[in-house]
Amino acid sequence: MKLKDLKSSIENKTYKEHFLILKWEDVSFIPFQYVNAIAQGFDGIVYADTLEDCKKERDIFEIEDANLYVYNVLELTGEIEPSDLKTTVIICKTFGKGFNKEKLGSFIVEVPKLENWQILSYMKFKCPKVREEKLIWLQEIANNDIYRIDNELSKISMFDDQDSMFDCILNDNGYGDLSSFNIYNLSNNISKNNVNEVRKILLEIDNIDVEPYGLVTNLIREFKNILKVQMFPNATYEKLHMTEKQYKAVRYYCCGIFNNETLIKCYRFLLDFDRRIKEGEYSNMSNNRIIDHIINNIVFRK
């Protein structure tokens, strides 16, 4: 079954009770939304620990359990018999040993990775009275984290004046722990020696998921590519073992910012720093102090 067909059957109230497997790609948020929609035709939802717990039995009056059973697992393995699980939805990310995808293919609905426009569409549906530009801002500042977005909009959706409630939370610094920056923004601006942008990012560093080892790894890769392109201007991207896209991006946006001597010093610093951090030399320093040390030796290098 295709996802669009499942959606249509639920919306048109033609969905029939049967066994279903929802396989997600990036987050399980959407499968659980479908479970909640399907459950409207049942007495309630029972989240089972095992598939055995999903098998229905009649009570002494021959009345069958009218709940929807949900089994959530990362990897679905083993043999499964749909006839034993008539009103069960399984949510999983992958299929493992013993699972017969060919046999159960008609019961599987694959939920693809959420696209940005789908997230925005969901936001508009949940809070239709919040102005679109505000929703777009929240989506960006939350880095498309659907769980955080849903949590924030749940606070607003119950009110009639949703737009004003959004402003109240914003003015009360309710989104203060969110940032549109990430580790790649920081490493890219360091490698471009973009002092102003680096300073902006540092102002929000406590709200960004930046780990020193990951930052150094990114910077080593970026400076290595800049060195290759800048010091060998006549070499093709194939000879430099780069993709054409990488080569053009480095050539047009990163070359000529540092001279060759400074590039080599920065690259050597990063390699030495990488060795030291792996050896635990900076284990007593906070992440922010380590990040400051890295930046001071590149962006603010004298």
Protein backbone atom coordinates (compact mmCIF):
# COMPACT_ATOMS: atom_id res chain seq x y z
CA MET A 1 0.00 0.00 0.00
CA LYS A 2 1.19 3.52 -0.78
CA LEU A 3 1.16 6.18 1.92
CA LYS A 4 -1.17 8.38 -0.14
CA ASP A 5 -3.65 5.49 -0.40
CA LEU A 6 -3.61 4.97 3.36
CA LYS A 7 -4.11 8.70 3.91
CA SER A 8 -7.01 8.76 1.47
CA SER A 9 -8.73 5.75 3.06
CA ILE A 10 -8.50 7.31 6.53
CA GLU A 11 -9.78 10.69 5.33
CA ASN A 12 -12.66 9.07 3.41
CA LYS A 13 -13.43 6.75 6.33
CA THR A 14 -13.02 3.68 4.13
CA TYR A 15 -10.08 2.24 6.08
CA LYS A 16 -10.82 -1.35 7.09
CA GLU A 17 -9.45 -3.02 10.18
CA HIS A 18 -6.43 -5.08 9.19
CA PHE A 19 -2.80 -5.72 9.94
CA LEU A 20 -0.43 -2.89 8.94
CA ILE A 21 3.32 -2.21 9.02
CA LEU A 22 4.50 1.42 8.93
CA LYS A 23 8.20 1.59 8.05
CA TRP A 24 9.77 5.01 8.64
CA GLU A 25 12.97 6.50 7.19
CA ASP A 26 14.11 9.42 9.34
CA VAL A 27 11.65 9.91 12.24
CA SER A 28 8.70 7.91 13.54
CA PHE A 29 6.56 11.02 14.04
CA ILE A 30 4.34 10.50 10.97
CA PRO A 31 3.62 6.79 11.67
CA PHE A 32 2.34 7.72 15.14
CA GLN A 33 0.14 10.41 13.61
CA TYR A 34 -1.41 7.76 11.38
CA VAL A 35 -1.86 5.44 14.37
CA ASN A 36 -3.80 8.17 16.18
CA ALA A 37 -6.00 8.70 13.12
CA ILE A 38 -6.67 4.97 12.68
CA ALA A 39 -7.44 4.61 16.38
CA GLN A 40 -10.50 6.85 16.00
CA GLY A 41 -12.43 3.74 14.97
CA PHE A 42 -11.38 1.77 18.06
CA ASP A 43 -12.03 1.92 21.79
CA GLY A 44 -8.42 2.93 22.41
CA ILE A 45 -4.74 2.21 21.76
CA VAL A 46 -2.74 -0.50 23.50
CA TYR A 47 1.06 -0.20 23.12
CA ALA A 48 2.42 -3.73 23.27
CA ASP A 49 5.88 -4.84 24.39
CA THR A 50 5.88 -7.91 22.12
CA LEU A 51 3.95 -9.11 19.09
CA GLU A 52 2.57 -11.94 21.21
CA ASP A 53 0.79 -9.29 23.29
CA CYS A 54 -1.02 -8.09 20.15
CA LYS A 55 -2.86 -11.34 19.51
CA LYS A 56 -6.55 -10.91 20.27
CA GLU A 57 -8.58 -13.18 22.47
CA ARG A 58 -12.29 -13.28 23.23
CA ASP A 59 -13.50 -12.96 26.81
CA ILE A 60 -15.91 -15.40 28.51
CA PHE A 61 -18.84 -13.67 26.78
CA GLU A 62 -17.21 -14.19 23.36
CA ILE A 63 -16.64 -10.46 23.00
CA GLU A 64 -13.45 -9.58 21.17
CA ASP A 65 -11.13 -6.84 22.40
CA ALA A 66 -11.94 -3.62 20.47
CA ASN A 67 -8.60 -1.86 20.97
CA LEU A 68 -6.01 -1.03 18.34
CA TYR A 69 -2.70 -2.68 19.20
CA VAL A 70 0.58 -0.94 18.36
CA TYR A 71 3.99 -2.57 18.42
CA ASN A 72 6.91 -0.14 18.08
CA VAL A 73 10.36 -1.60 17.35
CA LEU A 74 13.53 -0.36 15.64
CA GLU A 75 14.19 -3.58 13.69
CA LEU A 76 11.39 -5.98 12.82
CA THR A 77 12.59 -9.58 12.72
CA GLY A 78 11.21 -13.12 12.54
CA GLU A 79 8.21 -14.69 10.89
CA ILE A 80 4.92 -12.82 11.15
CA GLU A 81 1.43 -14.15 10.45
CA PRO A 82 -1.03 -11.29 9.69
CA SER A 83 -4.09 -13.43 10.48
CA ASP A 84 -2.96 -13.53 14.13
CA LEU A 85 -2.64 -9.73 14.26
CA LYS A 86 -5.88 -8.51 12.70
CA THR A 87 -6.01 -5.07 14.34
CA THR A 88 -2.33 -4.42 14.90
CA VAL A 89 -0.07 -1.68 13.56
CA ILE A 90 3.67 -2.30 13.67
CA ILE A 91 5.99 0.72 13.52
CA CYS A 92 9.63 0.02 12.59
CA LYS A 93 12.67 1.50 10.87
CA THR A 94 14.24 -1.60 9.32
CA PHE A 95 13.57 -5.25 8.55
CA GLY A 96 15.94 -7.88 9.92
CA LYS A 97 16.64 -11.58 10.01
CA GLY A 98 13.72 -13.87 9.27
CA PHE A 99 11.35 -11.13 8.07
CA ASN A 100 9.72 -12.03 4.75
CA LYS A 101 9.19 -8.73 2.95
CA GLU A 102 7.94 -10.43 -0.21
CA LYS A 103 5.20 -12.27 1.68
CA LEU A 104 4.11 -9.21 3.69
CA GLY A 105 4.61 -6.56 1.01
CA SER A 106 0.89 -5.74 0.69
CA PHE A 107 0.76 -4.84 4.39
CA ILE A 108 3.79 -2.53 4.33
CA VAL A 109 3.49 1.24 4.01
CA GLU A 110 6.82 3.03 3.61
CA VAL A 111 6.93 6.50 5.19
CA PRO A 112 9.62 8.57 3.40
CA LYS A 113 11.80 11.25 4.92
CA LEU A 114 9.88 14.38 5.87
CA GLU A 115 10.40 17.22 3.39
CA ASN A 116 10.55 20.82 4.58
CA TRP A 117 7.32 21.72 2.80
CA GLN A 118 5.53 18.82 4.50
CA ILE A 119 6.62 20.09 7.92
CA LEU A 120 5.38 23.59 7.08
CA SER A 121 2.11 22.13 5.80
CA TYR A 122 1.65 20.29 9.09
CA MET A 123 2.40 23.50 11.02
CA LYS A 124 -0.26 25.38 9.06
CA PHE A 125 -2.76 22.61 9.75
CA LYS A 126 -1.99 22.57 13.47
CA CYS A 127 -2.00 26.36 13.95
CA PRO A 128 -3.87 27.88 11.01
CA LYS A 129 -4.24 31.25 12.76
CA VAL A 130 -0.50 31.88 13.13
CA ARG A 131 0.92 33.96 10.31
CA GLU A 132 2.95 31.92 7.84
CA GLU A 133 6.14 33.96 8.17
CA LYS A 134 6.17 33.21 11.91
CA LEU A 135 5.75 29.49 11.26
CA ILE A 136 8.59 29.58 8.73
CA TRP A 137 10.78 31.35 11.29
CA LEU A 138 10.00 28.70 13.94
CA GLN A 139 10.68 25.92 11.44
CA GLU A 140 14.09 27.40 10.62
CA ILE A 141 15.08 28.18 14.21
CA ALA A 142 14.09 24.64 15.25
CA ASN A 143 16.16 23.14 12.41
CA ASN A 144 13.11 21.22 11.16
CA ASP A 145 12.95 19.19 14.37
CA ILE A 146 9.37 17.99 14.01
CA TYR A 147 9.14 16.89 17.66
CA ARG A 148 10.20 20.31 18.98
CA ILE A 149 7.97 22.05 16.45
CA ASP A 150 4.97 19.93 17.40
CA ASN A 151 5.64 20.54 21.09
CA GLU A 152 5.77 24.31 20.62
CA LEU A 153 2.65 24.44 18.44
CA SER A 154 0.72 22.25 20.89
CA LYS A 155 1.07 25.08 23.41
CA ILE A 156 -0.60 27.46 20.96
CA SER A 157 -3.14 25.32 19.09
CA MET A 158 -5.65 25.23 21.97
CA PHE A 159 -6.09 29.03 21.91
CA ASP A 160 -8.35 30.98 19.59
CA ASP A 161 -5.90 33.89 19.23
CA GLN A 162 -2.98 31.70 18.18
CA ASP A 163 -0.98 34.49 16.55
CA SER A 164 -0.94 36.57 19.72
CA MET A 165 0.00 33.55 21.83
CA PHE A 166 2.94 32.92 19.50
CA ASP A 167 4.10 36.51 20.10
CA CYS A 168 3.70 36.14 23.86
CA ILE A 169 5.93 33.05 23.93
CA LEU A 170 8.46 34.75 21.66
CA ASN A 171 8.56 37.94 23.76
CA ASP A 172 8.93 35.82 26.91
CA ASN A 173 12.05 34.24 25.36
CA GLY A 174 10.25 30.90 25.02
CA TYR A 175 12.32 30.05 21.95
CA GLY A 176 15.57 31.32 23.45
CA ASP A 177 17.21 27.88 23.48
CA LEU A 178 16.75 27.45 19.72
CA SER A 179 19.20 28.49 17.03
CA SER A 180 19.24 28.25 13.23
CA PHE A 181 23.02 27.76 13.29
CA ASN A 182 24.75 24.38 13.31
CA ILE A 183 28.28 22.95 13.35
CA TYR A 184 28.60 23.30 9.55
CA ASN A 185 27.76 27.01 9.67
CA LEU A 186 30.57 27.45 12.18
CA SER A 187 33.22 25.40 10.35
CA ASN A 188 32.36 26.96 6.96
CA ASN A 189 32.68 30.50 8.31
CA ILE A 190 35.93 29.67 10.10
CA SER A 191 37.43 28.29 6.89
CA LYS A 192 36.31 31.44 5.05
CA ASN A 193 37.71 33.65 7.84
CA ASN A 194 34.32 35.34 8.10
CA VAL A 195 34.88 37.12 11.40
CA ASN A 196 31.45 38.78 11.68
CA GLU A 197 29.51 35.56 11.05
CA VAL A 198 31.73 33.61 13.47
CA ARG A 199 31.00 36.20 16.16
CA LYS A 200 27.24 35.91 15.52
CA ILE A 201 27.41 32.14 15.86
CA LEU A 202 29.47 32.35 19.05
CA LEU A 203 26.72 34.47 20.62
CA GLU A 204 24.42 31.44 20.25
CA ILE A 205 26.99 28.71 20.88
CA ASP A 206 25.17 27.41 23.97
CA ASN A 207 22.13 26.67 21.81
CA ILE A 208 24.04 24.84 19.06
CA ASP A 209 25.08 21.21 18.97
CA VAL A 210 28.83 21.75 18.43
CA GLU A 211 31.26 19.15 19.72
CA PRO A 212 34.99 20.12 19.49
CA TYR A 213 36.13 16.84 17.92
CA GLY A 214 33.44 17.10 15.22
CA LEU A 215 34.39 20.73 14.56
CA VAL A 216 38.07 19.85 14.16
CA THR A 217 37.21 16.95 11.83
CA ASN A 218 35.16 19.28 9.61
CA LEU A 219 37.89 21.93 9.58
CA ILE A 220 40.64 19.46 8.68
CA ARG A 221 38.61 18.32 5.68
CA GLU A 222 37.80 21.89 4.60
CA PHE A 223 41.36 23.22 4.96
CA LYS A 224 42.77 20.19 3.17
CA ASN A 225 40.52 20.90 0.19
CA ILE A 226 41.39 24.61 0.21
CA LEU A 227 45.09 23.77 0.27
CA LYS A 228 44.79 21.39 -2.68
CA VAL A 229 42.83 23.82 -4.86
CA GLN A 230 44.77 26.97 -3.94
CA MET A 231 48.26 25.49 -4.15
CA PHE A 232 47.61 23.53 -7.35
CA PRO A 233 45.47 25.95 -9.40
CA ASN A 234 46.00 24.13 -12.67
CA ALA A 235 45.01 20.70 -11.39
CA THR A 236 41.61 19.27 -12.33
CA TYR A 237 39.12 18.17 -9.70
CA GLU A 238 39.71 14.54 -10.71
CA LYS A 239 43.44 14.83 -9.98
CA LEU A 240 42.68 16.42 -6.62
CA HIS A 241 40.29 13.54 -5.80
CA MET A 242 37.34 15.90 -5.40
CA THR A 243 33.89 16.09 -6.92
CA GLU A 244 33.25 18.85 -9.42
CA LYS A 245 30.79 20.45 -7.02
CA GLN A 246 33.33 20.45 -4.17
CA TYR A 247 36.04 21.83 -6.42
CA LYS A 248 33.93 24.73 -7.69
CA ALA A 249 32.68 25.64 -4.21
CA VAL A 250 36.22 25.76 -2.79
CA ARG A 251 37.65 27.60 -5.79
CA TYR A 252 35.01 30.34 -5.89
CA TYR A 253 34.28 30.81 -2.19
CA CYS A 254 37.35 29.78 -0.18
CA CYS A 255 40.52 30.38 -2.18
CA GLY A 256 42.55 33.57 -1.72
CA ILE A 257 41.23 34.29 1.76
CA PHE A 258 44.36 32.95 3.49
CA ASN A 259 47.78 33.01 1.85
CA ASN A 260 49.52 29.68 1.34
CA GLU A 261 51.78 30.08 4.37
CA THR A 262 48.85 30.78 6.69
CA LEU A 263 46.85 27.91 5.20
CA ILE A 264 49.68 25.50 5.95
CA LYS A 265 50.02 26.82 9.53
CA CYS A 266 46.27 26.44 10.13
CA TYR A 267 46.24 22.93 8.69
CA ARG A 268 49.22 21.88 10.83
CA PHE A 269 47.56 23.39 13.90
CA LEU A 270 44.38 21.39 13.23
CA LEU A 271 46.25 18.11 12.73
CA ASP A 272 48.22 18.65 15.93
CA PHE A 273 45.09 19.68 17.81
CA ASP A 274 43.26 16.59 16.51
CA ARG A 275 46.04 14.39 17.89
CA ARG A 276 46.04 16.14 21.26
CA ILE A 277 42.29 16.04 21.74
CA LYS A 278 42.29 12.30 20.95
CA GLU A 279 44.98 11.81 23.56
CA GLY A 280 42.80 13.56 26.14
CA GLU A 281 44.99 16.60 26.56
CA TYR A 282 41.97 18.92 26.69
CA SER A 283 39.74 16.70 28.83
CA ASN A 284 39.68 19.25 31.68
CA MET A 285 38.56 22.11 29.44
CA SER A 286 34.92 22.93 28.68
CA ASN A 287 33.68 22.56 25.11
CA ASN A 288 33.26 26.32 24.76
CA ARG A 289 36.85 27.00 25.85
CA ILE A 290 38.14 24.41 23.37
CA ILE A 291 36.07 25.94 20.57
CA ASP A 292 37.40 29.41 21.47
CA HIS A 293 40.95 28.03 21.31
CA ILE A 294 40.35 26.60 17.83
CA ILE A 295 38.85 29.84 16.53
CA ASN A 296 41.56 32.02 18.05
CA ASN A 297 44.22 29.99 16.25
CA ILE A 298 42.55 30.36 12.86
CA VAL A 299 40.14 33.28 12.52
CA PHE A 300 41.92 35.59 14.95
CA ARG A 301 45.41 34.30 14.14
CA LYS A 302 48.00 37.06 14.39
